[in-house]
Amino acid sequence: METLTIKETISGVLESTLEHNNFEMHDELTAKDVDGWDSLSHMMIITKIEEAFNIKFKLRDLNKLKNMGSLVSVIQSKI
C-alpha cells in the first residue's frame, strides 16, 4: 500500500477521534503536536488504526513509534 494512502487513512482516524483537523500531516508529526491527543485518545487512535488496516500491533511495534513516519513504516511492514 502506498505511503500517501496510509497517511490519508491515518489522517481520517485522527480527525474522527479528535474531532478536528487542526494539524498538518507530515513524517515528524507527534502526539504532542496535535491538540487533544492525550494518552486516552492515543489508545483509541491505535485501536482504530488496527481496525482500518486489519492489523494488530505488538508491544514492540508500539515501542518503535516515535512519530508519524515510524507509524507509517510499522503499518507498511504489517500489510
PDB file of N, CA and C in Angstrom:
ATOM      1  N   MET A   1       0.854  -1.178   0.000  1.00  0.00           N
ATOM      2  CA  MET A   1       0.000   0.000   0.000  1.00  0.00           C
ATOM      3  C   MET A   1       0.898   1.239   0.000  1.00  0.00           C
ATOM      4  N   GLU A   2       0.478   2.226  -0.752  1.00  0.00           N
ATOM      5  CA  GLU A   2       1.274   3.446  -0.879  1.00  0.00           C
ATOM      6  C   GLU A   2       1.275   4.276   0.402  1.00  0.00           C
ATOM      7  N   THR A   3       2.374   4.957   0.628  1.00  0.00           N
ATOM      8  CA  THR A   3       2.529   5.804   1.812  1.00  0.00           C
ATOM      9  C   THR A   3       1.426   6.854   1.878  1.00  0.00           C
ATOM     10  N   LEU A   4       1.101   7.479   0.749  1.00  0.00           N
ATOM     11  CA  LEU A   4       0.077   8.521   0.733  1.00  0.00           C
ATOM     12  C   LEU A   4      -1.277   7.973   1.184  1.00  0.00           C
ATOM     13  N   THR A   5      -1.627   6.784   0.721  1.00  0.00           N
ATOM     14  CA  THR A   5      -2.896   6.158   1.107  1.00  0.00           C
ATOM     15  C   THR A   5      -2.921   5.865   2.601  1.00  0.00           C
ATOM     16  N   ILE A   6      -1.807   5.376   3.137  1.00  0.00           N
ATOM     17  CA  ILE A   6      -1.711   5.094   4.565  1.00  0.00           C
ATOM     18  C   ILE A   6      -1.877   6.382   5.359  1.00  0.00           C
ATOM     19  N   LYS A   7      -1.188   7.453   4.938  1.00  0.00           N
ATOM     20  CA  LYS A   7      -1.279   8.724   5.654  1.00  0.00           C
ATOM     21  C   LYS A   7      -2.686   9.294   5.598  1.00  0.00           C
ATOM     22  N   GLU A   8      -3.368   9.142   4.466  1.00  0.00           N
ATOM     23  CA  GLU A   8      -4.742   9.645   4.347  1.00  0.00           C
ATOM     24  C   GLU A   8      -5.668   8.891   5.300  1.00  0.00           C
ATOM     25  N   THR A   9      -5.472   7.590   5.411  1.00  0.00           N
ATOM     26  CA  THR A   9      -6.289   6.780   6.318  1.00  0.00           C
ATOM     27  C   THR A   9      -6.023   7.177   7.767  1.00  0.00           C
ATOM     28  N   ILE A  10      -4.751   7.338   8.123  1.00  0.00           N
ATOM     29  CA  ILE A  10      -4.400   7.756   9.487  1.00  0.00           C
ATOM     30  C   ILE A  10      -4.985   9.129   9.777  1.00  0.00           C
ATOM     31  N   SER A  11      -4.894  10.032   8.816  1.00  0.00           N
ATOM     32  CA  SER A  11      -5.434  11.375   8.994  1.00  0.00           C
ATOM     33  C   SER A  11      -6.940  11.315   9.275  1.00  0.00           C
ATOM     34  N   GLY A  12      -7.641  10.456   8.560  1.00  0.00           N
ATOM     35  CA  GLY A  12      -9.074  10.278   8.794  1.00  0.00           C
ATOM     36  C   GLY A  12      -9.367   9.758  10.192  1.00  0.00           C
ATOM     37  N   VAL A  13      -8.541   8.834  10.653  1.00  0.00           N
ATOM     38  CA  VAL A  13      -8.693   8.303  12.010  1.00  0.00           C
ATOM     39  C   VAL A  13      -8.470   9.410  13.041  1.00  0.00           C
ATOM     40  N   LEU A  14      -7.424  10.194  12.837  1.00  0.00           N
ATOM     41  CA  LEU A  14      -7.144  11.292  13.767  1.00  0.00           C
ATOM     42  C   LEU A  14      -8.292  12.297  13.796  1.00  0.00           C
ATOM     43  N   GLU A  15      -8.770  12.674  12.615  1.00  0.00           N
ATOM     44  CA  GLU A  15      -9.863  13.648  12.533  1.00  0.00           C
ATOM     45  C   GLU A  15     -11.120  13.135  13.231  1.00  0.00           C
ATOM     46  N   SER A  16     -11.465  11.875  13.014  1.00  0.00           N
ATOM     47  CA  SER A  16     -12.696  11.356  13.624  1.00  0.00           C
ATOM     48  C   SER A  16     -12.543  11.158  15.135  1.00  0.00           C
ATOM     49  N   THR A  17     -11.370  10.753  15.574  1.00  0.00           N
ATOM     50  CA  THR A  17     -11.155  10.515  17.003  1.00  0.00           C
ATOM     51  C   THR A  17     -11.034  11.820  17.776  1.00  0.00           C
ATOM     52  N   LEU A  18     -10.272  12.749  17.224  1.00  0.00           N
ATOM     53  CA  LEU A  18     -10.011  14.011  17.915  1.00  0.00           C
ATOM     54  C   LEU A  18     -11.046  15.082  17.600  1.00  0.00           C
ATOM     55  N   GLU A  19     -11.886  14.818  16.610  1.00  0.00           N
ATOM     56  CA  GLU A  19     -12.962  15.715  16.183  1.00  0.00           C
ATOM     57  C   GLU A  19     -12.452  17.075  15.723  1.00  0.00           C
ATOM     58  N   HIS A  20     -11.300  17.076  15.071  1.00  0.00           N
ATOM     59  CA  HIS A  20     -10.796  18.286  14.408  1.00  0.00           C
ATOM     60  C   HIS A  20      -9.707  17.883  13.419  1.00  0.00           C
ATOM     61  N   ASN A  21      -9.347  18.816  12.559  1.00  0.00           N
ATOM     62  CA  ASN A  21      -8.256  18.568  11.616  1.00  0.00           C
ATOM     63  C   ASN A  21      -7.239  19.708  11.686  1.00  0.00           C
ATOM     64  N   ASN A  22      -7.004  20.188  12.891  1.00  0.00           N
ATOM     65  CA  ASN A  22      -6.064  21.292  13.115  1.00  0.00           C
ATOM     66  C   ASN A  22      -4.635  20.768  13.252  1.00  0.00           C
ATOM     67  N   PHE A  23      -4.198  20.030  12.265  1.00  0.00           N
ATOM     68  CA  PHE A  23      -2.831  19.518  12.250  1.00  0.00           C
ATOM     69  C   PHE A  23      -2.410  19.326  10.800  1.00  0.00           C
ATOM     70  N   GLU A  24      -1.130  19.356  10.575  1.00  0.00           N
ATOM     71  CA  GLU A  24      -0.575  19.120   9.246  1.00  0.00           C
ATOM     72  C   GLU A  24       0.116  17.766   9.270  1.00  0.00           C
ATOM     73  N   MET A  25      -0.324  16.875   8.404  1.00  0.00           N
ATOM     74  CA  MET A  25       0.225  15.526   8.366  1.00  0.00           C
ATOM     75  C   MET A  25       1.620  15.537   7.728  1.00  0.00           C
ATOM     76  N   HIS A  26       2.628  15.132   8.488  1.00  0.00           N
ATOM     77  CA  HIS A  26       3.990  15.002   7.974  1.00  0.00           C
ATOM     78  C   HIS A  26       4.725  13.955   8.806  1.00  0.00           C
ATOM     79  N   ASP A  27       5.849  13.487   8.314  1.00  0.00           N
ATOM     80  CA  ASP A  27       6.567  12.374   8.954  1.00  0.00           C
ATOM     81  C   ASP A  27       7.025  12.681  10.371  1.00  0.00           C
ATOM     82  N   GLU A  28       7.290  13.928  10.682  1.00  0.00           N
ATOM     83  CA  GLU A  28       7.796  14.286  12.011  1.00  0.00           C
ATOM     84  C   GLU A  28       6.685  14.601  13.014  1.00  0.00           C
ATOM     85  N   LEU A  29       5.428  14.482  12.603  1.00  0.00           N
ATOM     86  CA  LEU A  29       4.291  14.772  13.484  1.00  0.00           C
ATOM     87  C   LEU A  29       4.285  13.819  14.678  1.00  0.00           C
ATOM     88  N   THR A  30       4.096  14.368  15.871  1.00  0.00           N
ATOM     89  CA  THR A  30       3.981  13.559  17.089  1.00  0.00           C
ATOM     90  C   THR A  30       2.701  13.938  17.819  1.00  0.00           C
ATOM     91  N   ALA A  31       2.335  13.145  18.805  1.00  0.00           N
ATOM     92  CA  ALA A  31       1.115  13.390  19.575  1.00  0.00           C
ATOM     93  C   ALA A  31       1.134  14.762  20.235  1.00  0.00           C
ATOM     94  N   LYS A  32       2.288  15.192  20.707  1.00  0.00           N
ATOM     95  CA  LYS A  32       2.347  16.489  21.392  1.00  0.00           C
ATOM     96  C   LYS A  32       2.116  17.672  20.444  1.00  0.00           C
ATOM     97  N   ASP A  33       2.183  17.424  19.132  1.00  0.00           N
ATOM     98  CA  ASP A  33       1.938  18.473  18.141  1.00  0.00           C
ATOM     99  C   ASP A  33       0.452  18.659  17.833  1.00  0.00           C
ATOM    100  N   VAL A  34      -0.397  17.762  18.336  1.00  0.00           N
ATOM    101  CA  VAL A  34      -1.814  17.756  17.965  1.00  0.00           C
ATOM    102  C   VAL A  34      -2.675  17.974  19.211  1.00  0.00           C
ATOM    103  N   ASP A  35      -3.496  19.029  19.179  1.00  0.00           N
ATOM    104  CA  ASP A  35      -4.409  19.319  20.294  1.00  0.00           C
ATOM    105  C   ASP A  35      -5.332  18.131  20.562  1.00  0.00           C
ATOM    106  N   GLY A  36      -5.447  17.758  21.825  1.00  0.00           N
ATOM    107  CA  GLY A  36      -6.371  16.710  22.218  1.00  0.00           C
ATOM    108  C   GLY A  36      -5.822  15.298  22.126  1.00  0.00           C
ATOM    109  N   TRP A  37      -4.606  15.145  21.623  1.00  0.00           N
ATOM    110  CA  TRP A  37      -4.026  13.802  21.505  1.00  0.00           C
ATOM    111  C   TRP A  37      -3.326  13.481  22.814  1.00  0.00           C
ATOM    112  N   ASP A  38      -4.080  12.877  23.727  1.00  0.00           N
ATOM    113  CA  ASP A  38      -3.546  12.506  25.033  1.00  0.00           C
ATOM    114  C   ASP A  38      -3.473  10.982  25.128  1.00  0.00           C
ATOM    115  N   SER A  39      -3.182  10.470  26.305  1.00  0.00           N
ATOM    116  CA  SER A  39      -2.988   9.025  26.455  1.00  0.00           C
ATOM    117  C   SER A  39      -4.259   8.232  26.157  1.00  0.00           C
ATOM    118  N   LEU A  40      -5.408   8.752  26.544  1.00  0.00           N
ATOM    119  CA  LEU A  40      -6.662   8.051  26.275  1.00  0.00           C
ATOM    120  C   LEU A  40      -6.974   8.052  24.781  1.00  0.00           C
ATOM    121  N   SER A  41      -6.880   9.212  24.154  1.00  0.00           N
ATOM    122  CA  SER A  41      -7.164   9.266  22.719  1.00  0.00           C
ATOM    123  C   SER A  41      -6.121   8.475  21.934  1.00  0.00           C
ATOM    124  N   HIS A  42      -4.901   8.387  22.461  1.00  0.00           N
ATOM    125  CA  HIS A  42      -3.856   7.608  21.792  1.00  0.00           C
ATOM    126  C   HIS A  42      -4.279   6.143  21.652  1.00  0.00           C
ATOM    127  N   MET A  43      -4.814   5.577  22.718  1.00  0.00           N
ATOM    128  CA  MET A  43      -5.255   4.185  22.665  1.00  0.00           C
ATOM    129  C   MET A  43      -6.429   4.011  21.700  1.00  0.00           C
ATOM    130  N   MET A  44      -7.308   4.993  21.652  1.00  0.00           N
ATOM    131  CA  MET A  44      -8.427   4.944  20.711  1.00  0.00           C
ATOM    132  C   MET A  44      -7.912   5.031  19.276  1.00  0.00           C
ATOM    133  N   ILE A  45      -6.929   5.892  19.047  1.00  0.00           N
ATOM    134  CA  ILE A  45      -6.347   6.051  17.711  1.00  0.00           C
ATOM    135  C   ILE A  45      -5.678   4.751  17.272  1.00  0.00           C
ATOM    136  N   ILE A  46      -4.890   4.150  18.145  1.00  0.00           N
ATOM    137  CA  ILE A  46      -4.214   2.891  17.812  1.00  0.00           C
ATOM    138  C   ILE A  46      -5.234   1.806  17.471  1.00  0.00           C
ATOM    139  N   THR A  47      -6.288   1.703  18.269  1.00  0.00           N
ATOM    140  CA  THR A  47      -7.330   0.699  18.016  1.00  0.00           C
ATOM    141  C   THR A  47      -8.003   0.933  16.673  1.00  0.00           C
ATOM    142  N   LYS A  48      -8.336   2.176  16.362  1.00  0.00           N
ATOM    143  CA  LYS A  48      -8.991   2.490  15.092  1.00  0.00           C
ATOM    144  C   LYS A  48      -8.058   2.257  13.904  1.00  0.00           C
ATOM    145  N   ILE A  49      -6.760   2.507  14.091  1.00  0.00           N
ATOM    146  CA  ILE A  49      -5.794   2.233  13.021  1.00  0.00           C
ATOM    147  C   ILE A  49      -5.707   0.728  12.777  1.00  0.00           C
ATOM    148  N   GLU A  50      -5.682  -0.052  13.858  1.00  0.00           N
ATOM    149  CA  GLU A  50      -5.673  -1.513  13.705  1.00  0.00           C
ATOM    150  C   GLU A  50      -6.896  -1.981  12.921  1.00  0.00           C
ATOM    151  N   GLU A  51      -8.049  -1.420  13.231  1.00  0.00           N
ATOM    152  CA  GLU A  51      -9.279  -1.793  12.533  1.00  0.00           C
ATOM    153  C   GLU A  51      -9.244  -1.355  11.072  1.00  0.00           C
ATOM    154  N   ALA A  52      -8.767  -0.147  10.817  1.00  0.00           N
ATOM    155  CA  ALA A  52      -8.753   0.396   9.458  1.00  0.00           C
ATOM    156  C   ALA A  52      -7.857  -0.418   8.520  1.00  0.00           C
ATOM    157  N   PHE A  53      -6.745  -0.910   9.054  1.00  0.00           N
ATOM    158  CA  PHE A  53      -5.796  -1.660   8.229  1.00  0.00           C
ATOM    159  C   PHE A  53      -5.887  -3.174   8.448  1.00  0.00           C
ATOM    160  N   ASN A  54      -6.794  -3.598   9.325  1.00  0.00           N
ATOM    161  CA  ASN A  54      -6.960  -5.005   9.647  1.00  0.00           C
ATOM    162  C   ASN A  54      -5.623  -5.628  10.086  1.00  0.00           C
ATOM    163  N   ILE A  55      -4.982  -4.964  11.046  1.00  0.00           N
ATOM    164  CA  ILE A  55      -3.705  -5.418  11.593  1.00  0.00           C
ATOM    165  C   ILE A  55      -3.791  -5.410  13.116  1.00  0.00           C
ATOM    166  N   LYS A  56      -2.804  -5.993  13.760  1.00  0.00           N
ATOM    167  CA  LYS A  56      -2.673  -5.943  15.215  1.00  0.00           C
ATOM    168  C   LYS A  56      -1.247  -5.535  15.540  1.00  0.00           C
ATOM    169  N   PHE A  57      -1.105  -4.510  16.359  1.00  0.00           N
ATOM    170  CA  PHE A  57       0.213  -4.086  16.804  1.00  0.00           C
ATOM    171  C   PHE A  57       0.644  -4.934  17.996  1.00  0.00           C
ATOM    172  N   LYS A  58       1.905  -5.278  18.011  1.00  0.00           N
ATOM    173  CA  LYS A  58       2.503  -5.914  19.184  1.00  0.00           C
ATOM    174  C   LYS A  58       3.159  -4.819  20.012  1.00  0.00           C
ATOM    175  N   LEU A  59       3.458  -5.127  21.258  1.00  0.00           N
ATOM    176  CA  LEU A  59       4.080  -4.140  22.135  1.00  0.00           C
ATOM    177  C   LEU A  59       5.379  -3.604  21.533  1.00  0.00           C
ATOM    178  N   ARG A  60       6.168  -4.457  20.935  1.00  0.00           N
ATOM    179  CA  ARG A  60       7.429  -3.995  20.341  1.00  0.00           C
ATOM    180  C   ARG A  60       7.180  -3.044  19.162  1.00  0.00           C
ATOM    181  N   ASP A  61       6.066  -3.237  18.445  1.00  0.00           N
ATOM    182  CA  ASP A  61       5.704  -2.307  17.366  1.00  0.00           C
ATOM    183  C   ASP A  61       5.411  -0.933  17.951  1.00  0.00           C
ATOM    184  N   LEU A  62       4.637  -0.914  19.022  1.00  0.00           N
ATOM    185  CA  LEU A  62       4.253   0.353  19.642  1.00  0.00           C
ATOM    186  C   LEU A  62       5.461   1.063  20.244  1.00  0.00           C
ATOM    187  N   ASN A  63       6.425   0.303  20.728  1.00  0.00           N
ATOM    188  CA  ASN A  63       7.641   0.906  21.283  1.00  0.00           C
ATOM    189  C   ASN A  63       8.507   1.559  20.212  1.00  0.00           C
ATOM    190  N   LYS A  64       8.324   1.163  18.952  1.00  0.00           N
ATOM    191  CA  LYS A  64       9.081   1.741  17.837  1.00  0.00           C
ATOM    192  C   LYS A  64       8.514   3.087  17.396  1.00  0.00           C
ATOM    193  N   LEU A  65       7.315   3.410  17.823  1.00  0.00           N
ATOM    194  CA  LEU A  65       6.633   4.606  17.332  1.00  0.00           C
ATOM    195  C   LEU A  65       7.220   5.861  17.959  1.00  0.00           C
ATOM    196  N   LYS A  66       7.862   6.662  17.129  1.00  0.00           N
ATOM    197  CA  LYS A  66       8.446   7.927  17.570  1.00  0.00           C
ATOM    198  C   LYS A  66       7.713   9.117  16.950  1.00  0.00           C
ATOM    199  N   ASN A  67       7.171   8.902  15.745  1.00  0.00           N
ATOM    200  CA  ASN A  67       6.475   9.961  15.017  1.00  0.00           C
ATOM    201  C   ASN A  67       5.623   9.318  13.920  1.00  0.00           C
ATOM    202  N   MET A  68       4.993  10.151  13.110  1.00  0.00           N
ATOM    203  CA  MET A  68       4.105   9.647  12.063  1.00  0.00           C
ATOM    204  C   MET A  68       4.858   8.793  11.045  1.00  0.00           C
ATOM    205  N   GLY A  69       6.085   9.162  10.720  1.00  0.00           N
ATOM    206  CA  GLY A  69       6.878   8.386   9.776  1.00  0.00           C
ATOM    207  C   GLY A  69       7.116   6.967  10.265  1.00  0.00           C
ATOM    208  N   SER A  70       7.407   6.816  11.552  1.00  0.00           N
ATOM    209  CA  SER A  70       7.637   5.471  12.087  1.00  0.00           C
ATOM    210  C   SER A  70       6.332   4.676  12.144  1.00  0.00           C
ATOM    211  N   LEU A  71       5.205   5.340  12.392  1.00  0.00           N
ATOM    212  CA  LEU A  71       3.907   4.664  12.373  1.00  0.00           C
ATOM    213  C   LEU A  71       3.614   4.128  10.975  1.00  0.00           C
ATOM    214  N   VAL A  72       3.848   4.946   9.964  1.00  0.00           N
ATOM    215  CA  VAL A  72       3.626   4.517   8.580  1.00  0.00           C
ATOM    216  C   VAL A  72       4.511   3.312   8.266  1.00  0.00           C
ATOM    217  N   SER A  73       5.761   3.343   8.687  1.00  0.00           N
ATOM    218  CA  SER A  73       6.683   2.228   8.431  1.00  0.00           C
ATOM    219  C   SER A  73       6.216   0.942   9.088  1.00  0.00           C
ATOM    220  N   VAL A  74       5.750   1.037  10.322  1.00  0.00           N
ATOM    221  CA  VAL A  74       5.269  -0.155  11.027  1.00  0.00           C
ATOM    222  C   VAL A  74       4.026  -0.708  10.323  1.00  0.00           C
ATOM    223  N   ILE A  75       3.128   0.173   9.917  1.00  0.00           N
ATOM    224  CA  ILE A  75       1.926  -0.270   9.199  1.00  0.00           C
ATOM    225  C   ILE A  75       2.315  -0.956   7.904  1.00  0.00           C
ATOM    226  N   GLN A  76       3.244  -0.375   7.148  1.00  0.00           N
ATOM    227  CA  GLN A  76       3.682  -0.982   5.893  1.00  0.00           C
ATOM    228  C   GLN A  76       4.276  -2.366   6.116  1.00  0.00           C
ATOM    229  N   SER A  77       4.961  -2.560   7.224  1.00  0.00           N
ATOM    230  CA  SER A  77       5.569  -3.867   7.495  1.00  0.00           C
ATOM    231  C   SER A  77       4.521  -4.923   7.843  1.00  0.00           C
ATOM    232  N   LYS A  78       3.327  -4.482   8.225  1.00  0.00           N
ATOM    233  CA  LYS A  78       2.287  -5.414   8.662  1.00  0.00           C
ATOM    234  C   LYS A  78       1.254  -5.721   7.574  1.00  0.00           C
ATOM    235  N   ILE A  79       1.229  -4.931   6.517  1.00  0.00           N
ATOM    236  CA  ILE A  79       0.218  -5.186   5.466  1.00  0.00           C
ATOM    237  C   ILE A  79       0.845  -5.734   4.198  1.00  0.00           C
TER     238      ILE A  79
END
